[in-house]
Structure formats: C-alpha cells, structure tokens
C-alpha atoms as a PDB file:
ATOM      1  CA  VAL A   1    -119.049  59.133  73.371  1.00  0.00           C
ATOM      2  CA  VAL A   2    -120.904  60.105  76.541  1.00  0.00           C
ATOM      3  CA  ASP A   3    -120.022  57.968  79.560  1.00  0.00           C
ATOM      4  CA  LEU A   4    -123.109  57.699  81.778  1.00  0.00           C
ATOM      5  CA  THR A   5    -121.635  54.988  84.005  1.00  0.00           C
ATOM      6  CA  CYS A   6    -120.164  55.964  87.367  1.00  0.00           C
ATOM      7  CA  PRO A   7    -116.643  54.873  88.311  1.00  0.00           C
ATOM      8  CA  VAL A   8    -116.398  51.619  90.273  1.00  0.00           C
ATOM      9  CA  ILE A   9    -115.017  51.811  93.831  1.00  0.00           C
ATOM     10  CA  ALA A  10    -113.902  48.451  95.217  1.00  0.00           C
ATOM     11  CA  TYR A  11    -112.770  48.103  98.829  1.00  0.00           C
ATOM     12  CA  TYR A  12    -110.157  45.424  99.510  1.00  0.00           C
ATOM     13  CA  GLN A  13    -109.299  46.337 103.100  1.00  0.00           C
ATOM     14  CA  ASN A  14    -112.209  47.280 105.323  1.00  0.00           C
ATOM     15  CA  PRO A  15    -112.105  48.343 108.953  1.00  0.00           C
ATOM     16  CA  PRO A  16    -113.311  45.724 111.440  1.00  0.00           C
ATOM     17  CA  ALA A  17    -116.852  45.921 112.800  1.00  0.00           C
ATOM     18  CA  SER A  18    -115.372  47.233 116.048  1.00  0.00           C
ATOM     19  CA  ALA A  19    -113.989  50.275 114.173  1.00  0.00           C
ATOM     20  CA  LEU A  20    -116.723  52.480 115.599  1.00  0.00           C
ATOM     21  CA  SER A  21    -114.783  52.514 118.860  1.00  0.00           C
ATOM     22  CA  LEU A  22    -111.295  52.923 117.351  1.00  0.00           C
ATOM     23  CA  SER A  23    -109.420  56.194 116.828  1.00  0.00           C
ATOM     24  CA  VAL A  24    -107.354  54.855 113.880  1.00  0.00           C
ATOM     25  CA  ILE A  25    -108.576  52.694 110.993  1.00  0.00           C
ATOM     26  CA  THR A  26    -107.154  51.672 107.618  1.00  0.00           C
ATOM     27  CA  LEU A  27    -109.099  51.431 104.389  1.00  0.00           C
ATOM     28  CA  GLY A  28    -107.896  50.014 101.067  1.00  0.00           C
ATOM     29  CA  PHE A  29    -109.667  50.716  97.780  1.00  0.00           C
ATOM     30  CA  THR A  30    -109.376  50.898  94.017  1.00  0.00           C
ATOM     31  CA  VAL A  31    -111.221  53.246  91.665  1.00  0.00           C
ATOM     32  CA  SER A  32    -111.718  52.431  88.002  1.00  0.00           C
ATOM     33  CA  ASP A  33    -113.773  53.476  84.997  1.00  0.00           C
ATOM     34  CA  ALA A  34    -113.586  51.208  81.957  1.00  0.00           C
ATOM     35  CA  ILE A  35    -114.746  53.858  79.477  1.00  0.00           C
ATOM     36  CA  SER A  36    -113.418  57.223  80.662  1.00  0.00           C
ATOM     37  CA  GLY A  37    -110.630  56.187  82.997  1.00  0.00           C
ATOM     38  CA  VAL A  38    -109.900  57.929  86.303  1.00  0.00           C
ATOM     39  CA  LYS A  39    -107.717  61.043  86.310  1.00  0.00           C
ATOM     40  CA  THR A  40    -107.746  61.903  90.036  1.00  0.00           C
ATOM     41  CA  VAL A  41    -109.207  60.630  93.302  1.00  0.00           C
ATOM     42  CA  GLU A  42    -110.002  62.640  96.429  1.00  0.00           C
ATOM     43  CA  CYS A  43    -110.772  61.343  99.907  1.00  0.00           C
ATOM     44  CA  LYS A  44    -113.056  63.362 102.170  1.00  0.00           C
ATOM     45  CA  LEU A  45    -113.721  62.927 105.895  1.00  0.00           C
ATOM     46  CA  ASP A  46    -115.702  65.409 107.982  1.00  0.00           C
ATOM     47  CA  GLY A  47    -115.487  67.989 105.202  1.00  0.00           C
ATOM     48  CA  VAL A  48    -111.695  67.785 104.886  1.00  0.00           C
ATOM     49  CA  VAL A  49    -110.432  66.733 101.444  1.00  0.00           C
ATOM     50  CA  THR A  50    -107.070  64.971 101.149  1.00  0.00           C
ATOM     51  CA  ALA A  51    -105.228  63.616  98.154  1.00  0.00           C
ATOM     52  CA  CYS A  52    -105.341  59.877  97.720  1.00  0.00           C
ATOM     53  CA  LYS A  53    -104.935  57.435  94.875  1.00  0.00           C
ATOM     54  CA  SER A  54    -106.473  54.236  93.688  1.00  0.00           C
ATOM     55  CA  GLY A  55    -104.819  51.159  95.149  1.00  0.00           C
ATOM     56  CA  GLU A  56    -103.449  52.776  98.268  1.00  0.00           C
ATOM     57  CA  ILE A  57    -104.258  51.921 101.859  1.00  0.00           C
ATOM     58  CA  LYS A  58    -105.483  55.078 103.588  1.00  0.00           C
ATOM     59  CA  THR A  59    -104.995  55.496 107.347  1.00  0.00           C
ATOM     60  CA  LEU A  60    -107.619  57.621 109.076  1.00  0.00           C
ATOM     61  CA  MET A  61    -106.651  58.933 112.521  1.00  0.00           C
ATOM     62  CA  ASP A  62    -108.219  60.849 115.394  1.00  0.00           C
ATOM     63  CA  LEU A  63    -111.680  59.464 114.723  1.00  0.00           C
ATOM     64  CA  GLY A  64    -112.704  59.037 118.368  1.00  0.00           C
END
C-alpha cells in the first residue's frame, strides 16, 4: 500500500489576532494519518527544530 495522502494537522488552540504584537503565544494541535499513522512530529520556528507531540499545547516565546 502506498499512502499518497498527507497527514492532517488540526489546530484547536490558535493565537489571538493580536498575536503579531505579543512575545509569547500558545498553539494547540493534533497530527493524524488514518492510513500510515504518525511516528514523530517536529516543530520548527525560525529554522530551529524542537521536539513536540500531537495533542500538546506548545508555548512559543521571545517572538517580539
């Protein structure tokens, strides 16, 4: 079986519209793939990769 469907990323906690002026935001998300499953998830901001997992709420700091 060849899975040609991308994983689904669903956000359940989004930063407010005013987040562009904040230095700390939180983001909640899930990642799923009905056929292949999801083994690992990585989060990347400004070229820096950090470990993260589906279902967690990620806090991003020092954005300003």
